[in-house]
Amino acid sequence: MLEKTPPLAGKLMNSNYSRTVLTNGLRVLTIPMEGLSSATVLVLIGAGSRYEEADKAGLSHFVEHMIFKGTKKRPTAFDISSLVDSVGGENNAFTGKDQTGFYIKIQKDRLALAFDILSDTLRDSLYLEEEIEREKGPIIEEINMYEDNPLYKIDDVFYELIFDGNPLGWSTAGEKKTVKSIKRDDFLNYVKRFYQGSDMVLAVAGNVNAEEVEKLAEEYFSSFDKGQKEKFIKFEENQTKPQIKIAYKKTDQAHIYFGFPAFSFFDPDRYALEVLSAILGGGMSSRLFIQVRERRGLAYYVRADNDTYHETGLFAARAGLNLEKVEEAVKVILDEFYKTKNGDITEKELSKSKEFLKGRTMLGLESSRRVAEWYAEKELMENQIETPAELLKNIEKVTLADVNRVAKRIFKPEKANLAVIGPFEDKEKLLNIISGK
């Protein structure tokens, strides 16, 4: 049965989407997009690597790999993939720290097929022993690929450093030894625990209407158990001194990830942080790009990242550098960080960064998949939906004083974290730099 919910106060008013909740707790979002001949059906689940136990690290990602390997109704991976291919559809999945997603993009008149396949695979996958053992090979090779590529591996090194001791710092892909140890019962127990209506969001974006989507949701997803939302180990930020972690590797280029603890997605200062991030590392005219690459030729790539989670977050810059120029680059980046908390940002930069964020947001939402992900993630992670228009309105309200205040909140010497991959062993010089010595 469908249980209609009233619009959430304020933020959901006058928004071009519909929200419904099934009696098993599954939330259903319909986001119409005119002019398309297709739609994306996405199921987003509150399950990811931060919910795992240490001896089962990588299980969330492994489950994602196994979902399309066969069900009671469609026993083989070929049965599933050929059905999607037969109508020219696309299906894929992804795993993060706190969410796992499965989607099918399909012609609008084949919408029921997408619902059928997704509900079938999420509810009735077989997890056959022989398939599990076979899939361990590709997953281990995926881990090897990340290990061999510093551009990817630097993420893991930095997360291990800044979230030390918490599952947030674990690699989503897991460790080779834990992946090898995972058994069929682990899959069955995990899916029973996490793949429940109360912790799932079904978002459909494209040439669709709410009546059809809600009818299909009731038909295909009402049989899922309600369950309950699982808890994770919260990260308590208590850093009191700068930290550095070097992953020794013989490379021709050094990779660094340099940053600080930041905000959760509930913090009111998150909008000012978005603006600050754009000023420092958003695009080829940003401060870091100009200072690190254009003026000094120290790096090929340099950018800023701003990641948010339920109770914490991070802000950081990352770059691929000349091996001989790492110390210089860290000094330049640190200098640019600290300038922003000393009133160095201009009104022109503020205005430009807002327009940059507006443009990137709109460009990023031209596909139905991205739109479905936006709404589903807001609903799942925050229990409320901030539309793109509402986000941009909040960003437009940000003042120079806001950005200056946020820079002062974040850029504290004792909170600095630097991860490095390259042929280095001596931490002291770099540690002295980020300590301000």
Protein backbone atom coordinates (compact mmCIF):
# COMPACT_ATOMS: atom_id res chain seq x y z
CA MET A 1 0.00 0.00 0.00
CA LEU A 2 1.05 3.58 -0.62
CA GLU A 3 1.15 5.96 2.28
CA LYS A 4 1.06 9.57 1.10
CA THR A 5 3.19 11.97 3.07
CA PRO A 6 2.58 15.71 3.22
CA PRO A 7 5.23 17.97 1.72
CA LEU A 8 8.10 18.56 4.10
CA ALA A 9 7.90 22.06 5.45
CA GLY A 10 9.57 24.77 3.43
CA LYS A 11 12.12 22.97 1.34
CA LEU A 12 9.72 20.69 -0.52
CA MET A 13 7.17 23.37 -1.28
CA ASN A 14 6.74 24.27 -4.96
CA SER A 15 9.44 21.81 -6.07
CA ASN A 16 9.05 19.95 -9.33
CA TYR A 17 9.09 16.44 -7.92
CA SER A 18 6.86 14.06 -5.99
CA ARG A 19 7.60 12.09 -2.83
CA THR A 20 5.74 9.06 -1.58
CA VAL A 21 6.52 6.44 1.05
CA LEU A 22 5.50 2.79 0.80
CA THR A 23 4.22 1.12 3.96
CA ASN A 24 7.53 -0.76 4.21
CA GLY A 25 9.35 2.56 4.56
CA LEU A 26 10.79 2.73 1.04
CA ARG A 27 10.79 6.32 -0.18
CA VAL A 28 9.78 6.93 -3.80
CA LEU A 29 10.83 10.08 -5.66
CA THR A 30 9.61 11.10 -9.10
CA ILE A 31 11.50 13.87 -10.88
CA PRO A 32 9.98 14.76 -14.28
CA MET A 33 12.37 16.02 -16.97
CA GLU A 34 10.66 17.33 -20.07
CA GLY A 35 12.06 16.67 -23.52
CA LEU A 36 13.62 13.28 -22.79
CA SER A 37 12.66 9.96 -24.32
CA SER A 38 14.22 7.98 -21.49
CA ALA A 39 14.33 7.67 -17.71
CA THR A 40 16.74 6.50 -15.03
CA VAL A 41 15.48 4.24 -12.27
CA LEU A 42 17.85 4.37 -9.30
CA VAL A 43 17.76 2.50 -6.00
CA LEU A 44 20.03 4.07 -3.38
CA ILE A 45 20.69 2.11 -0.20
CA GLY A 46 22.15 3.29 3.10
CA ALA A 47 24.97 0.77 3.04
CA GLY A 48 28.66 1.27 2.39
CA SER A 49 32.15 0.69 3.69
CA ARG A 50 31.69 2.71 6.87
CA TYR A 51 29.08 0.18 8.04
CA GLU A 52 31.44 -2.79 7.72
CA GLU A 53 33.40 -4.82 10.25
CA ALA A 54 37.17 -4.92 9.86
CA ASP A 55 37.34 -8.61 8.96
CA LYS A 56 34.69 -8.09 6.27
CA ALA A 57 36.12 -4.91 4.73
CA GLY A 58 35.03 -4.65 1.11
CA LEU A 59 31.79 -6.62 1.54
CA SER A 60 29.54 -3.71 0.48
CA HIS A 61 31.49 -3.38 -2.76
CA PHE A 62 31.51 -7.17 -3.26
CA VAL A 63 27.71 -7.30 -2.90
CA GLU A 64 27.44 -4.60 -5.55
CA HIS A 65 29.45 -6.81 -7.91
CA MET A 66 27.25 -9.83 -7.23
CA ILE A 67 23.82 -8.23 -7.62
CA PHE A 68 23.66 -8.67 -11.40
CA LYS A 69 25.15 -12.22 -11.39
CA GLY A 70 21.85 -14.10 -11.38
CA THR A 71 18.53 -14.47 -9.55
CA LYS A 72 15.93 -17.18 -9.04
CA LYS A 73 13.98 -15.74 -11.97
CA ARG A 74 17.03 -15.01 -14.16
CA PRO A 75 19.73 -17.52 -13.13
CA THR A 76 22.76 -16.07 -14.94
CA ALA A 77 24.42 -12.71 -15.47
CA PHE A 78 23.78 -13.14 -19.19
CA ASP A 79 20.04 -13.51 -18.58
CA ILE A 80 20.05 -10.11 -16.91
CA SER A 81 22.45 -8.23 -19.17
CA SER A 82 20.89 -9.54 -22.38
CA LEU A 83 17.47 -8.38 -21.22
CA VAL A 84 18.76 -4.87 -20.58
CA ASP A 85 20.69 -4.90 -23.87
CA SER A 86 17.65 -6.07 -25.81
CA VAL A 87 16.00 -2.68 -25.28
CA GLY A 88 19.19 -0.63 -25.53
CA GLY A 89 19.27 0.11 -21.82
CA GLU A 90 22.18 0.77 -19.48
CA ASN A 91 22.65 -0.74 -16.04
CA ASN A 92 25.38 -0.13 -13.51
CA ALA A 93 26.12 0.21 -9.81
CA PHE A 94 28.42 2.05 -7.41
CA THR A 95 29.57 1.81 -3.80
CA GLY A 96 30.66 4.61 -1.49
CA LYS A 97 31.44 5.14 2.16
CA ASP A 98 27.81 5.44 3.20
CA GLN A 99 25.69 4.41 0.22
CA THR A 100 25.35 1.85 -2.55
CA GLY A 101 23.43 2.54 -5.74
CA PHE A 102 21.97 0.47 -8.57
CA TYR A 103 20.39 1.98 -11.66
CA ILE A 104 18.97 1.26 -15.08
CA LYS A 105 18.58 3.90 -17.76
CA ILE A 106 15.93 2.88 -20.25
CA GLN A 107 13.36 4.04 -22.82
CA LYS A 108 10.38 5.64 -21.11
CA ASP A 109 7.94 3.03 -22.43
CA ARG A 110 10.09 0.24 -20.93
CA LEU A 111 9.97 1.62 -17.41
CA ALA A 112 8.31 -1.48 -15.96
CA LEU A 113 11.21 -3.63 -17.14
CA ALA A 114 13.69 -1.53 -15.16
CA PHE A 115 11.56 -1.87 -12.02
CA ASP A 116 11.27 -5.62 -12.58
CA ILE A 117 15.01 -6.18 -13.00
CA LEU A 118 16.10 -3.96 -10.12
CA SER A 119 13.61 -5.39 -7.63
CA ASP A 120 14.44 -8.93 -8.72
CA THR A 121 18.20 -8.53 -8.40
CA LEU A 122 18.07 -6.66 -5.09
CA ARG A 123 15.64 -9.10 -3.50
CA ASP A 124 16.41 -12.50 -5.05
CA SER A 125 20.05 -12.64 -6.13
CA LEU A 126 21.47 -16.15 -5.75
CA TYR A 127 25.01 -15.45 -4.49
CA LEU A 128 26.21 -18.82 -5.73
CA GLU A 129 29.46 -20.08 -4.21
CA GLU A 130 31.09 -20.63 -7.60
CA GLU A 131 30.16 -17.11 -8.73
CA ILE A 132 31.49 -15.64 -5.49
CA GLU A 133 34.83 -17.42 -5.87
CA ARG A 134 35.07 -16.42 -9.53
CA GLU A 135 34.31 -12.76 -8.81
CA LYS A 136 37.04 -12.54 -6.18
CA GLY A 137 39.53 -12.50 -9.05
CA PRO A 138 38.20 -9.33 -10.75
CA ILE A 139 37.80 -7.56 -7.40
CA ILE A 140 41.36 -8.33 -6.35
CA GLU A 141 42.56 -7.09 -9.74
CA GLU A 142 40.51 -3.93 -9.19
CA ILE A 143 42.29 -3.46 -5.85
CA ASN A 144 45.63 -4.06 -7.59
CA MET A 145 44.70 -1.43 -10.18
CA TYR A 146 44.09 1.15 -7.43
CA GLU A 147 47.28 0.14 -5.62
CA ASP A 148 49.34 0.60 -8.78
CA ASN A 149 47.80 3.97 -9.69
CA PRO A 150 48.86 6.76 -7.30
CA LEU A 151 46.18 9.06 -8.72
CA TYR A 152 43.58 6.75 -7.13
CA LYS A 153 45.60 5.40 -4.22
CA ILE A 154 46.26 8.84 -2.75
CA ASP A 155 42.57 8.98 -1.73
CA ASP A 156 42.98 5.90 0.45
CA VAL A 157 46.20 7.18 2.01
CA PHE A 158 44.60 10.51 2.93
CA TYR A 159 41.41 8.95 4.28
CA GLU A 160 43.42 6.53 6.42
CA LEU A 161 45.28 9.52 7.83
CA ILE A 162 42.47 11.97 8.53
CA PHE A 163 39.93 9.35 9.70
CA ASP A 164 42.46 7.19 11.51
CA GLY A 165 40.85 4.30 13.40
CA ASN A 166 37.35 4.85 11.99
CA PRO A 167 35.71 2.85 9.17
CA LEU A 168 35.41 6.11 7.21
CA GLY A 169 39.13 5.73 6.63
CA TRP A 170 38.85 2.27 5.08
CA SER A 171 39.11 1.63 1.37
CA THR A 172 35.71 0.99 -0.21
CA ALA A 173 37.16 -1.86 -2.26
CA GLY A 174 38.46 -3.56 0.87
CA GLU A 175 41.68 -5.45 1.43
CA LYS A 176 42.76 -8.46 -0.60
CA LYS A 177 42.90 -10.70 2.46
CA THR A 178 39.38 -9.77 3.59
CA VAL A 179 37.92 -10.13 0.10
CA LYS A 180 39.43 -13.61 -0.16
CA SER A 181 37.83 -14.62 3.16
CA ILE A 182 34.24 -13.54 2.37
CA LYS A 183 31.72 -16.41 2.17
CA ARG A 184 28.17 -16.86 0.88
CA ASP A 185 26.64 -16.49 4.35
CA ASP A 186 28.29 -13.08 4.63
CA PHE A 187 26.34 -11.93 1.56
CA LEU A 188 23.04 -13.33 2.79
CA ASN A 189 23.41 -11.77 6.24
CA TYR A 190 24.52 -8.43 4.82
CA VAL A 191 21.64 -8.13 2.36
CA LYS A 192 19.11 -9.16 5.01
CA ARG A 193 20.51 -6.50 7.31
CA PHE A 194 20.85 -3.59 4.89
CA TYR A 195 18.67 -4.09 1.82
CA GLN A 196 15.46 -3.13 3.62
CA GLY A 197 12.69 -0.73 2.72
CA SER A 198 13.37 1.69 5.57
CA ASP A 199 16.91 2.32 4.32
CA MET A 200 16.22 2.50 0.57
CA VAL A 201 15.27 5.34 -1.75
CA LEU A 202 13.84 4.73 -5.21
CA ALA A 203 14.33 7.75 -7.48
CA VAL A 204 13.07 7.95 -11.05
CA ALA A 205 14.10 10.88 -13.24
CA GLY A 206 13.21 11.50 -16.87
CA ASN A 207 10.10 11.51 -19.00
CA VAL A 208 7.90 10.08 -16.26
CA ASN A 209 4.90 10.94 -14.12
CA ALA A 210 4.34 10.27 -10.44
CA GLU A 211 1.21 8.17 -10.89
CA GLU A 212 2.97 5.60 -13.06
CA VAL A 213 6.12 5.54 -10.92
CA GLU A 214 4.20 5.08 -7.67
CA LYS A 215 2.11 2.28 -9.17
CA LEU A 216 5.23 0.45 -10.35
CA ALA A 217 6.95 1.01 -7.00
CA GLU A 218 4.03 -0.57 -5.19
CA GLU A 219 3.95 -3.50 -7.61
CA TYR A 220 7.66 -4.33 -7.54
CA PHE A 221 9.04 -3.04 -4.22
CA SER A 222 6.28 -3.44 -1.63
CA SER A 223 7.44 -7.01 -0.88
CA PHE A 224 10.72 -5.82 0.65
CA ASP A 225 10.84 -6.07 4.44
CA LYS A 226 10.73 -2.79 6.32
CA GLY A 227 13.69 -3.52 8.59
CA GLN A 228 15.39 -0.68 10.43
CA LYS A 229 18.06 1.86 9.63
CA GLU A 230 21.50 0.57 10.59
CA LYS A 231 23.93 2.60 12.68
CA PHE A 232 27.58 3.30 12.01
CA ILE A 233 30.53 4.16 14.24
CA LYS A 234 30.63 7.95 14.39
CA PHE A 235 33.90 9.72 13.82
CA GLU A 236 34.98 12.00 16.66
CA GLU A 237 37.43 14.61 15.43
CA ASN A 238 40.00 15.37 18.14
CA GLN A 239 43.18 16.13 16.20
CA THR A 240 45.65 18.23 18.19
CA LYS A 241 48.73 18.30 15.95
CA PRO A 242 49.57 18.19 12.24
CA GLN A 243 49.89 14.75 10.67
CA ILE A 244 51.69 13.33 7.66
CA LYS A 245 51.55 9.92 6.02
CA ILE A 246 53.93 8.87 3.25
CA ALA A 247 53.26 5.81 1.11
CA TYR A 248 56.65 4.97 -0.35
CA LYS A 249 56.52 4.13 -4.04
CA LYS A 250 59.05 4.51 -6.84
CA THR A 251 57.28 6.91 -9.18
CA ASP A 252 58.14 9.62 -11.68
CA GLN A 253 55.58 11.94 -10.13
CA ALA A 254 54.63 12.69 -6.54
CA HIS A 255 50.97 12.81 -5.53
CA ILE A 256 49.84 14.80 -2.52
CA TYR A 257 46.52 15.24 -0.74
CA PHE A 258 46.68 18.11 1.74
CA GLY A 259 43.74 19.10 3.87
CA PHE A 260 41.81 19.63 7.08
CA PRO A 261 38.74 18.28 8.88
CA ALA A 262 35.63 20.17 7.76
CA PHE A 263 31.84 20.08 7.94
CA SER A 264 28.98 17.61 7.86
CA PHE A 265 26.18 18.08 5.37
CA PHE A 266 24.06 19.56 8.17
CA ASP A 267 26.48 22.40 8.99
CA PRO A 268 25.09 25.81 7.97
CA ASP A 269 28.59 26.87 6.89
CA ARG A 270 28.69 24.24 4.15
CA TYR A 271 27.57 26.77 1.54
CA ALA A 272 30.40 29.15 2.35
CA LEU A 273 32.78 26.18 2.16
CA GLU A 274 31.51 25.39 -1.34
CA VAL A 275 32.35 28.94 -2.35
CA LEU A 276 35.77 28.78 -0.69
CA SER A 277 36.48 25.50 -2.48
CA ALA A 278 35.61 27.07 -5.82
CA ILE A 279 37.84 30.08 -5.16
CA LEU A 280 40.80 27.89 -4.27
CA GLY A 281 40.45 24.95 -6.63
CA GLY A 282 37.46 25.28 -8.92
CA GLY A 283 38.57 25.34 -12.53
CA MET A 284 41.61 26.53 -14.46
CA SER A 285 41.38 30.12 -13.22
CA SER A 286 41.26 29.18 -9.53
CA ARG A 287 43.94 30.34 -7.12
CA LEU A 288 45.65 26.98 -6.77
CA PHE A 289 45.68 26.27 -10.50
CA ILE A 290 47.19 29.68 -11.24
CA GLN A 291 49.78 29.61 -8.44
CA VAL A 292 50.82 25.95 -8.57
CA ARG A 293 50.60 25.17 -12.27
CA GLU A 294 50.47 28.31 -14.38
CA ARG A 295 52.96 30.53 -12.54
CA ARG A 296 55.37 27.93 -11.19
CA GLY A 297 54.88 24.86 -13.37
CA LEU A 298 54.92 22.54 -10.36
CA ALA A 299 52.03 20.26 -11.29
CA TYR A 300 49.96 18.89 -14.13
CA TYR A 301 46.77 18.68 -12.10
CA VAL A 302 45.76 20.53 -8.96
CA ARG A 303 42.30 20.96 -7.51
CA ALA A 304 40.33 21.26 -4.28
CA ASP A 305 37.93 18.68 -2.82
CA ASN A 306 35.13 19.19 -0.31
CA ASP A 307 33.61 15.94 1.00
CA THR A 308 30.75 15.84 3.51
CA TYR A 309 29.35 13.06 5.69
CA HIS A 310 26.73 12.70 8.40
CA GLU A 311 28.87 13.96 11.28
CA THR A 312 32.07 15.23 9.68
CA GLY A 313 33.76 16.18 6.44
CA LEU A 314 37.02 17.29 4.90
CA PHE A 315 38.46 20.02 2.74
CA ALA A 316 41.65 19.37 0.82
CA ALA A 317 43.78 20.15 -2.20
CA ARG A 318 45.39 17.45 -4.31
CA ALA A 319 48.08 17.59 -6.96
CA GLY A 320 50.45 15.54 -9.10
CA LEU A 321 53.90 17.10 -8.77
CA ASN A 322 57.48 17.14 -9.97
CA LEU A 323 59.41 14.97 -7.49
CA GLU A 324 61.85 17.80 -6.80
CA LYS A 325 59.13 20.36 -6.16
CA VAL A 326 56.95 18.77 -3.46
CA GLU A 327 58.14 21.01 -0.65
CA GLU A 328 57.69 24.14 -2.74
CA ALA A 329 54.20 23.08 -3.81
CA VAL A 330 53.10 22.35 -0.24
CA LYS A 331 54.33 25.80 0.82
CA VAL A 332 52.43 27.47 -2.02
CA ILE A 333 49.22 25.58 -1.28
CA LEU A 334 49.46 26.31 2.43
CA ASP A 335 50.07 29.99 1.70
CA GLU A 336 46.95 30.14 -0.47
CA PHE A 337 44.92 28.41 2.26
CA TYR A 338 46.02 30.90 4.90
CA LYS A 339 45.55 33.96 2.69
CA THR A 340 41.81 33.24 2.57
CA LYS A 341 41.44 33.53 6.34
CA ASN A 342 43.28 36.85 6.37
CA GLY A 343 40.71 38.78 4.34
CA ASP A 344 42.44 38.29 1.00
CA ILE A 345 39.37 37.34 -1.06
CA THR A 346 37.79 40.02 -3.26
CA GLU A 347 34.16 40.65 -4.19
CA LYS A 348 35.08 39.83 -7.79
CA GLU A 349 36.37 36.39 -6.76
CA LEU A 350 33.28 35.81 -4.66
CA SER A 351 30.96 36.63 -7.55
CA LYS A 352 32.96 34.54 -10.01
CA SER A 353 32.97 31.51 -7.72
CA LYS A 354 29.19 31.68 -7.33
CA GLU A 355 28.72 31.74 -11.10
CA PHE A 356 31.18 28.85 -11.41
CA LEU A 357 29.17 26.77 -8.93
CA LYS A 358 25.92 27.66 -10.67
CA GLY A 359 27.26 26.62 -14.05
CA ARG A 360 28.84 23.38 -12.84
CA THR A 361 25.69 22.43 -10.95
CA MET A 362 23.48 22.94 -13.98
CA LEU A 363 25.86 21.16 -16.36
CA GLY A 364 26.09 18.26 -13.95
CA LEU A 365 22.33 17.82 -13.91
CA GLU A 366 21.71 17.52 -17.64
CA SER A 367 21.40 13.72 -17.45
CA SER A 368 18.56 11.83 -15.80
CA ARG A 369 21.03 9.66 -13.87
CA ARG A 370 22.66 12.66 -12.22
CA VAL A 371 19.28 14.13 -11.35
CA ALA A 372 18.11 10.85 -9.82
CA GLU A 373 21.33 10.63 -7.81
CA TRP A 374 20.97 14.22 -6.54
CA TYR A 375 17.46 13.73 -5.18
CA ALA A 376 18.04 10.21 -3.87
CA GLU A 377 21.21 11.19 -2.03
CA LYS A 378 19.61 14.22 -0.41
CA GLU A 379 16.67 12.09 0.74
CA LEU A 380 18.79 9.18 1.98
CA MET A 381 21.59 11.12 3.64
CA GLU A 382 19.80 14.20 4.95
CA ASN A 383 16.15 13.08 5.22
CA GLN A 384 15.15 16.20 3.35
CA ILE A 385 15.55 17.39 -0.20
CA GLU A 386 17.31 20.57 -1.11
CA THR A 387 16.64 21.14 -4.79
CA PRO A 388 19.37 22.49 -7.06
CA ALA A 389 17.59 25.84 -7.17
CA GLU A 390 17.48 25.99 -3.37
CA LEU A 391 21.16 25.09 -3.13
CA LEU A 392 22.12 27.87 -5.52
CA LYS A 393 19.93 30.33 -3.64
CA ASN A 394 21.80 29.49 -0.43
CA ILE A 395 25.15 29.82 -2.18
CA GLU A 396 24.12 33.22 -3.55
CA LYS A 397 23.56 34.41 0.05
CA VAL A 398 27.19 33.72 1.00
CA THR A 399 29.17 36.87 1.85
CA LEU A 400 32.89 37.63 2.04
CA ALA A 401 32.55 37.59 5.82
CA ASP A 402 31.09 34.08 5.64
CA VAL A 403 33.98 32.79 3.54
CA ASN A 404 36.52 34.46 5.81
CA ARG A 405 34.89 32.96 8.90
CA VAL A 406 34.85 29.47 7.37
CA ALA A 407 38.50 29.72 6.35
CA LYS A 408 39.35 30.57 9.96
CA ARG A 409 37.29 27.60 11.18
CA ILE A 410 39.12 25.17 8.92
CA PHE A 411 42.68 26.31 8.34
CA LYS A 412 44.27 25.67 11.73
CA PRO A 413 47.90 24.44 11.80
CA GLU A 414 47.18 21.75 14.38
CA LYS A 415 44.49 20.27 12.10
CA ALA A 416 46.65 19.92 8.98
CA ASN A 417 46.92 16.52 7.26
CA LEU A 418 49.28 15.70 4.40
CA ALA A 419 49.33 12.41 2.48
CA VAL A 420 52.11 11.76 -0.03
CA ILE A 421 52.84 8.99 -2.52
CA GLY A 422 56.32 8.88 -4.00
CA PRO A 423 59.93 7.80 -3.42
CA PHE A 424 60.21 9.62 -0.09
CA GLU A 425 61.04 8.48 3.43
CA ASP A 426 61.84 11.65 5.39
CA LYS A 427 58.74 13.24 6.92
CA GLU A 428 60.40 15.97 8.93
CA LYS A 429 60.79 18.71 6.31
CA LEU A 430 57.20 18.39 5.14
CA LEU A 431 55.93 18.14 8.70
CA ASN A 432 57.76 21.34 9.59
CA ILE A 433 56.19 23.10 6.60
CA ILE A 434 52.60 22.20 7.46
CA SER A 435 53.32 22.99 11.13
CA GLY A 436 54.31 26.52 10.15
CA LYS A 437 57.90 26.14 11.35
